[in-house]
Amino acid sequence: MRDVSGIGVDIVDITRLRQLCRHKAFTEKVFTKSELGYAKSKGNSIPHLAAIFAAKEAILKAAGTGWTGDNEIEIKHERCGRPYAATFGSLSKTVNGKELLISMSFSADYAIAFAFLSKAHSRKRS
């Protein structure tokens, strides 16, 4: 049984993100070096960055915090490709003790992400 703490979804226009990524100040504020490296390793980095950005926005919506000015989330990937989030600072206090699940996808024009925040309860076995 899970108690839902928050859900969030975000969609990003890839063309718009491409324009924003032309500004180094934007990329340095929004993405970690690891995220930038991951996206660059994929060839066409912009759709991957758009999905990462959408995931961060969805997580902040699920947590109910919004952007604080600090980059308190890093999107990482397991070997199988499954995304997960590492949180830092005040955001990690907000999600502490909760399970944070994310899903990301993109097409030629848009990237979308969904975040689910819950407190997991163990089931009693009879």
N, C-alpha and C. Protein backbone atom coordinates (compact mmCIF):
# COMPACT_ATOMS: atom_id res chain seq x y z
N MET A 1 0.85 -1.17 0.00
CA MET A 1 0.00 0.00 0.00
C MET A 1 0.89 1.23 0.00
N ARG A 2 0.54 2.21 -0.77
CA ARG A 2 1.31 3.45 -0.85
C ARG A 2 0.40 4.64 -0.55
N ASP A 3 0.95 5.58 0.18
CA ASP A 3 0.28 6.85 0.37
C ASP A 3 0.89 7.83 -0.62
N VAL A 4 0.08 8.38 -1.50
CA VAL A 4 0.58 9.33 -2.49
C VAL A 4 0.88 10.65 -1.80
N SER A 5 2.11 11.11 -1.95
CA SER A 5 2.51 12.40 -1.40
C SER A 5 2.42 13.50 -2.45
N GLY A 6 2.62 13.13 -3.72
CA GLY A 6 2.55 14.11 -4.78
C GLY A 6 2.79 13.49 -6.13
N ILE A 7 2.21 14.11 -7.15
CA ILE A 7 2.46 13.73 -8.53
C ILE A 7 2.77 14.99 -9.31
N GLY A 8 3.53 14.83 -10.36
CA GLY A 8 3.86 15.97 -11.20
C GLY A 8 4.09 15.52 -12.62
N VAL A 9 3.76 16.37 -13.56
CA VAL A 9 4.00 16.10 -14.97
C VAL A 9 4.47 17.39 -15.62
N ASP A 10 5.33 17.26 -16.62
CA ASP A 10 5.78 18.45 -17.35
C ASP A 10 6.07 18.07 -18.79
N ILE A 11 5.81 18.99 -19.68
CA ILE A 11 6.11 18.81 -21.11
C ILE A 11 6.96 19.99 -21.56
N VAL A 12 7.96 19.69 -22.37
CA VAL A 12 8.91 20.71 -22.82
C VAL A 12 8.95 20.71 -24.35
N ASP A 13 8.86 21.89 -24.93
CA ASP A 13 9.02 22.08 -26.36
C ASP A 13 10.52 22.02 -26.68
N ILE A 14 10.93 21.05 -27.45
CA ILE A 14 12.36 20.83 -27.71
C ILE A 14 12.98 22.01 -28.45
N THR A 15 12.26 22.62 -29.37
CA THR A 15 12.79 23.79 -30.09
C THR A 15 13.07 24.93 -29.12
N ARG A 16 12.18 25.14 -28.18
CA ARG A 16 12.38 26.21 -27.17
C ARG A 16 13.59 25.90 -26.30
N LEU A 17 13.73 24.64 -25.88
CA LEU A 17 14.87 24.29 -25.04
C LEU A 17 16.18 24.45 -25.82
N ARG A 18 16.17 24.12 -27.10
CA ARG A 18 17.36 24.31 -27.93
C ARG A 18 17.81 25.77 -27.89
N GLN A 19 16.85 26.69 -27.97
CA GLN A 19 17.16 28.12 -27.92
C GLN A 19 17.74 28.50 -26.56
N LEU A 20 17.14 27.99 -25.48
CA LEU A 20 17.62 28.29 -24.13
C LEU A 20 19.02 27.73 -23.89
N CYS A 21 19.30 26.57 -24.46
CA CYS A 21 20.61 25.94 -24.25
C CYS A 21 21.74 26.66 -24.98
N ARG A 22 21.43 27.61 -25.81
CA ARG A 22 22.46 28.44 -26.45
C ARG A 22 23.11 29.38 -25.44
N HIS A 23 22.45 29.56 -24.29
CA HIS A 23 22.95 30.44 -23.24
C HIS A 23 23.61 29.59 -22.16
N LYS A 24 24.91 29.76 -22.04
CA LYS A 24 25.68 28.97 -21.08
C LYS A 24 25.16 29.14 -19.66
N ALA A 25 24.71 30.34 -19.30
CA ALA A 25 24.19 30.58 -17.95
C ALA A 25 22.99 29.68 -17.66
N PHE A 26 22.15 29.47 -18.66
CA PHE A 26 20.98 28.60 -18.48
C PHE A 26 21.43 27.15 -18.24
N THR A 27 22.28 26.64 -19.11
CA THR A 27 22.69 25.23 -18.98
C THR A 27 23.43 24.99 -17.68
N GLU A 28 24.25 25.94 -17.25
CA GLU A 28 24.99 25.78 -16.00
C GLU A 28 24.07 25.82 -14.77
N LYS A 29 22.99 26.57 -14.87
CA LYS A 29 22.06 26.69 -13.75
C LYS A 29 21.14 25.47 -13.66
N VAL A 30 20.73 24.93 -14.80
CA VAL A 30 19.70 23.89 -14.83
C VAL A 30 20.27 22.47 -14.83
N PHE A 31 21.41 22.25 -15.48
CA PHE A 31 21.93 20.90 -15.65
C PHE A 31 23.25 20.71 -14.92
N THR A 32 23.45 19.50 -14.41
CA THR A 32 24.73 19.16 -13.79
C THR A 32 25.71 18.73 -14.88
N LYS A 33 26.98 18.68 -14.54
CA LYS A 33 27.99 18.22 -15.51
C LYS A 33 27.70 16.79 -15.95
N SER A 34 27.25 15.97 -15.02
CA SER A 34 26.92 14.58 -15.33
C SER A 34 25.76 14.50 -16.32
N GLU A 35 24.74 15.30 -16.13
CA GLU A 35 23.59 15.31 -17.04
C GLU A 35 24.01 15.78 -18.43
N LEU A 36 24.83 16.81 -18.49
CA LEU A 36 25.31 17.30 -19.78
C LEU A 36 26.14 16.24 -20.48
N GLY A 37 26.98 15.55 -19.73
CA GLY A 37 27.80 14.48 -20.30
C GLY A 37 26.95 13.34 -20.83
N TYR A 38 25.94 12.96 -20.06
CA TYR A 38 25.03 11.90 -20.49
C TYR A 38 24.36 12.28 -21.81
N ALA A 39 23.81 13.47 -21.86
CA ALA A 39 23.10 13.92 -23.06
C ALA A 39 24.04 13.98 -24.27
N LYS A 40 25.24 14.49 -24.07
CA LYS A 40 26.21 14.57 -25.18
C LYS A 40 26.60 13.19 -25.68
N SER A 41 26.61 12.21 -24.79
CA SER A 41 26.98 10.85 -25.21
C SER A 41 25.93 10.22 -26.13
N LYS A 42 24.76 10.81 -26.20
CA LYS A 42 23.67 10.27 -27.01
C LYS A 42 23.65 10.83 -28.43
N GLY A 43 24.60 11.68 -28.76
CA GLY A 43 24.62 12.26 -30.10
C GLY A 43 23.84 13.56 -30.15
N ASN A 44 22.55 13.48 -30.41
CA ASN A 44 21.67 14.65 -30.41
C ASN A 44 21.25 14.91 -28.97
N SER A 45 21.95 15.80 -28.30
CA SER A 45 21.78 15.98 -26.85
C SER A 45 20.49 16.72 -26.45
N ILE A 46 19.97 17.57 -27.30
CA ILE A 46 18.86 18.44 -26.90
C ILE A 46 17.60 17.67 -26.47
N PRO A 47 17.15 16.65 -27.20
CA PRO A 47 15.96 15.92 -26.71
C PRO A 47 16.18 15.28 -25.34
N HIS A 48 17.39 14.79 -25.09
CA HIS A 48 17.70 14.20 -23.79
C HIS A 48 17.70 15.26 -22.69
N LEU A 49 18.26 16.43 -23.00
CA LEU A 49 18.25 17.52 -22.03
C LEU A 49 16.82 17.99 -21.77
N ALA A 50 16.00 18.01 -22.80
CA ALA A 50 14.60 18.40 -22.64
C ALA A 50 13.87 17.43 -21.71
N ALA A 51 14.14 16.14 -21.86
CA ALA A 51 13.52 15.14 -20.99
C ALA A 51 14.00 15.30 -19.55
N ILE A 52 15.29 15.57 -19.38
CA ILE A 52 15.84 15.79 -18.04
C ILE A 52 15.21 17.03 -17.41
N PHE A 53 15.09 18.10 -18.18
CA PHE A 53 14.47 19.33 -17.68
C PHE A 53 13.01 19.07 -17.28
N ALA A 54 12.28 18.33 -18.13
CA ALA A 54 10.88 18.01 -17.82
C ALA A 54 10.80 17.18 -16.54
N ALA A 55 11.74 16.25 -16.36
CA ALA A 55 11.75 15.42 -15.15
C ALA A 55 11.97 16.28 -13.90
N LYS A 56 12.89 17.22 -13.99
CA LYS A 56 13.14 18.09 -12.84
C LYS A 56 11.91 18.91 -12.50
N GLU A 57 11.25 19.44 -13.51
CA GLU A 57 10.03 20.22 -13.28
C GLU A 57 8.94 19.34 -12.67
N ALA A 58 8.78 18.12 -13.19
CA ALA A 58 7.76 17.21 -12.66
C ALA A 58 8.05 16.86 -11.21
N ILE A 59 9.31 16.64 -10.87
CA ILE A 59 9.68 16.33 -9.49
C ILE A 59 9.36 17.49 -8.57
N LEU A 60 9.68 18.69 -8.99
CA LEU A 60 9.40 19.87 -8.16
C LEU A 60 7.90 20.06 -7.96
N LYS A 61 7.12 19.73 -8.98
CA LYS A 61 5.66 19.80 -8.84
C LYS A 61 5.17 18.74 -7.86
N ALA A 62 5.71 17.52 -7.97
CA ALA A 62 5.31 16.45 -7.06
C ALA A 62 5.67 16.79 -5.61
N ALA A 63 6.83 17.42 -5.43
CA ALA A 63 7.29 17.79 -4.09
C ALA A 63 6.58 19.04 -3.57
N GLY A 64 6.00 19.82 -4.49
CA GLY A 64 5.30 21.04 -4.10
C GLY A 64 6.22 22.18 -3.72
N THR A 65 7.44 22.18 -4.28
CA THR A 65 8.40 23.20 -3.88
C THR A 65 8.66 24.27 -4.93
N GLY A 66 8.68 23.91 -6.20
CA GLY A 66 9.07 24.85 -7.24
C GLY A 66 10.57 25.09 -7.21
N TRP A 67 11.08 25.81 -8.21
CA TRP A 67 12.51 26.11 -8.30
C TRP A 67 12.89 27.06 -7.16
N THR A 68 13.98 26.74 -6.49
CA THR A 68 14.46 27.58 -5.39
C THR A 68 15.64 28.45 -5.83
N GLY A 69 16.10 28.25 -7.05
CA GLY A 69 17.27 28.98 -7.51
C GLY A 69 18.51 28.10 -7.48
N ASP A 70 18.43 27.00 -6.71
CA ASP A 70 19.52 26.05 -6.66
C ASP A 70 19.13 24.81 -7.45
N ASN A 71 20.12 24.17 -8.05
CA ASN A 71 19.88 22.93 -8.76
C ASN A 71 20.01 21.80 -7.76
N GLU A 72 18.89 21.36 -7.22
CA GLU A 72 18.89 20.37 -6.15
C GLU A 72 18.52 18.97 -6.63
N ILE A 73 18.50 18.78 -7.94
CA ILE A 73 18.14 17.48 -8.51
C ILE A 73 19.16 17.11 -9.58
N GLU A 74 19.54 15.85 -9.57
CA GLU A 74 20.35 15.32 -10.67
C GLU A 74 19.65 14.07 -11.18
N ILE A 75 19.38 14.05 -12.48
CA ILE A 75 18.75 12.89 -13.10
C ILE A 75 19.86 11.95 -13.55
N LYS A 76 19.75 10.71 -13.11
CA LYS A 76 20.73 9.69 -13.46
C LYS A 76 20.00 8.53 -14.12
N HIS A 77 20.77 7.59 -14.63
CA HIS A 77 20.18 6.43 -15.31
C HIS A 77 20.88 5.15 -14.86
N GLU A 78 20.06 4.14 -14.61
CA GLU A 78 20.61 2.82 -14.32
C GLU A 78 21.19 2.25 -15.62
N ARG A 79 21.93 1.17 -15.52
CA ARG A 79 22.52 0.55 -16.71
C ARG A 79 21.47 0.19 -17.75
N CYS A 80 20.30 -0.23 -17.29
CA CYS A 80 19.22 -0.61 -18.21
C CYS A 80 18.55 0.60 -18.85
N GLY A 81 18.91 1.80 -18.41
CA GLY A 81 18.35 3.03 -18.96
C GLY A 81 17.27 3.67 -18.10
N ARG A 82 16.82 2.96 -17.08
CA ARG A 82 15.76 3.49 -16.21
C ARG A 82 16.25 4.75 -15.49
N PRO A 83 15.50 5.85 -15.59
CA PRO A 83 15.92 7.08 -14.92
C PRO A 83 15.56 7.08 -13.44
N TYR A 84 16.38 7.78 -12.68
CA TYR A 84 16.08 8.02 -11.27
C TYR A 84 16.67 9.37 -10.89
N ALA A 85 16.24 9.88 -9.76
CA ALA A 85 16.67 11.22 -9.35
C ALA A 85 17.43 11.16 -8.04
N ALA A 86 18.51 11.92 -7.99
CA ALA A 86 19.23 12.17 -6.74
C ALA A 86 18.87 13.59 -6.33
N THR A 87 18.53 13.78 -5.06
CA THR A 87 18.15 15.11 -4.59
C THR A 87 19.14 15.60 -3.55
N PHE A 88 19.27 16.91 -3.46
CA PHE A 88 20.23 17.55 -2.57
C PHE A 88 19.55 18.71 -1.84
N GLY A 89 20.22 19.23 -0.83
CA GLY A 89 19.78 20.44 -0.15
C GLY A 89 18.39 20.31 0.45
N SER A 90 17.65 21.41 0.39
CA SER A 90 16.32 21.44 1.01
C SER A 90 15.36 20.47 0.34
N LEU A 91 15.54 20.20 -0.93
CA LEU A 91 14.66 19.25 -1.62
C LEU A 91 14.82 17.85 -1.05
N SER A 92 16.04 17.47 -0.70
CA SER A 92 16.24 16.13 -0.14
C SER A 92 15.52 15.99 1.20
N LYS A 93 15.39 17.08 1.94
CA LYS A 93 14.63 17.04 3.19
C LYS A 93 13.15 16.85 2.91
N THR A 94 12.66 17.44 1.83
CA THR A 94 11.25 17.33 1.46
C THR A 94 10.90 15.90 1.04
N VAL A 95 11.79 15.23 0.32
CA VAL A 95 11.49 13.89 -0.18
C VAL A 95 12.06 12.78 0.72
N ASN A 96 12.71 13.14 1.81
CA ASN A 96 13.31 12.17 2.72
C ASN A 96 12.27 11.16 3.21
N GLY A 97 12.61 9.88 3.13
CA GLY A 97 11.73 8.83 3.59
C GLY A 97 10.61 8.49 2.63
N LYS A 98 10.63 9.08 1.45
CA LYS A 98 9.60 8.82 0.45
C LYS A 98 10.24 8.19 -0.79
N GLU A 99 9.44 7.48 -1.52
CA GLU A 99 9.89 6.89 -2.78
C GLU A 99 9.58 7.87 -3.90
N LEU A 100 10.57 8.13 -4.74
CA LEU A 100 10.42 9.04 -5.86
C LEU A 100 10.63 8.26 -7.15
N LEU A 101 9.59 8.15 -7.94
CA LEU A 101 9.66 7.45 -9.22
C LEU A 101 9.46 8.45 -10.34
N ILE A 102 10.23 8.28 -11.43
CA ILE A 102 10.08 9.17 -12.59
C ILE A 102 10.05 8.35 -13.87
N SER A 103 9.42 8.93 -14.86
CA SER A 103 9.40 8.36 -16.20
C SER A 103 9.56 9.53 -17.17
N MET A 104 10.38 9.31 -18.21
CA MET A 104 10.67 10.37 -19.18
C MET A 104 10.56 9.80 -20.59
N SER A 105 10.16 10.65 -21.53
CA SER A 105 10.09 10.24 -22.92
C SER A 105 10.16 11.50 -23.80
N PHE A 106 10.53 11.29 -25.07
CA PHE A 106 10.50 12.42 -25.99
C PHE A 106 10.19 11.96 -27.40
N SER A 107 9.69 12.90 -28.19
CA SER A 107 9.45 12.70 -29.62
C SER A 107 10.33 13.72 -30.34
N ALA A 108 10.09 13.93 -31.59
CA ALA A 108 10.87 14.91 -32.35
C ALA A 108 10.64 16.33 -31.84
N ASP A 109 9.46 16.61 -31.30
CA ASP A 109 9.10 17.97 -30.93
C ASP A 109 8.98 18.24 -29.43
N TYR A 110 8.65 17.22 -28.65
CA TYR A 110 8.37 17.42 -27.23
C TYR A 110 9.03 16.35 -26.36
N ALA A 111 9.32 16.76 -25.14
CA ALA A 111 9.76 15.82 -24.11
C ALA A 111 8.76 15.91 -22.97
N ILE A 112 8.52 14.78 -22.33
CA ILE A 112 7.54 14.74 -21.24
C ILE A 112 8.12 13.90 -20.11
N ALA A 113 7.72 14.25 -18.89
CA ALA A 113 8.16 13.48 -17.73
C ALA A 113 7.04 13.47 -16.70
N PHE A 114 7.02 12.40 -15.93
CA PHE A 114 6.05 12.19 -14.88
C PHE A 114 6.81 11.83 -13.61
N ALA A 115 6.40 12.39 -12.48
CA ALA A 115 7.03 12.07 -11.19
C ALA A 115 5.95 11.67 -10.21
N PHE A 116 6.27 10.66 -9.41
CA PHE A 116 5.35 10.12 -8.41
C PHE A 116 6.11 10.03 -7.10
N LEU A 117 5.58 10.65 -6.08
CA LEU A 117 6.21 10.69 -4.76
C LEU A 117 5.27 10.01 -3.78
N SER A 118 5.78 8.99 -3.09
CA SER A 118 4.93 8.27 -2.13
C SER A 118 5.70 7.81 -0.93
N LYS A 119 4.97 7.55 0.11
CA LYS A 119 5.55 6.94 1.29
C LYS A 119 5.12 5.48 1.26
N ALA A 120 6.08 4.59 1.12
CA ALA A 120 5.77 3.17 1.01
C ALA A 120 5.52 2.59 2.40
N HIS A 121 4.54 1.75 2.49
CA HIS A 121 4.22 1.02 3.73
C HIS A 121 4.43 -0.46 3.46
N SER A 122 4.98 -1.15 4.40
CA SER A 122 5.13 -2.59 4.22
C SER A 122 3.81 -3.28 4.52
N ARG A 123 3.54 -4.32 3.77
CA ARG A 123 2.32 -5.10 3.98
C ARG A 123 2.58 -6.13 5.07
N LYS A 124 1.59 -6.32 5.91
CA LYS A 124 1.68 -7.37 6.92
C LYS A 124 1.34 -8.68 6.26
N ARG A 125 2.18 -9.68 6.47
CA ARG A 125 1.92 -10.99 5.91
C ARG A 125 1.27 -11.88 6.96
N SER A 126 0.30 -12.67 6.52
CA SER A 126 -0.35 -13.57 7.47
C SER A 126 0.25 -14.95 7.45
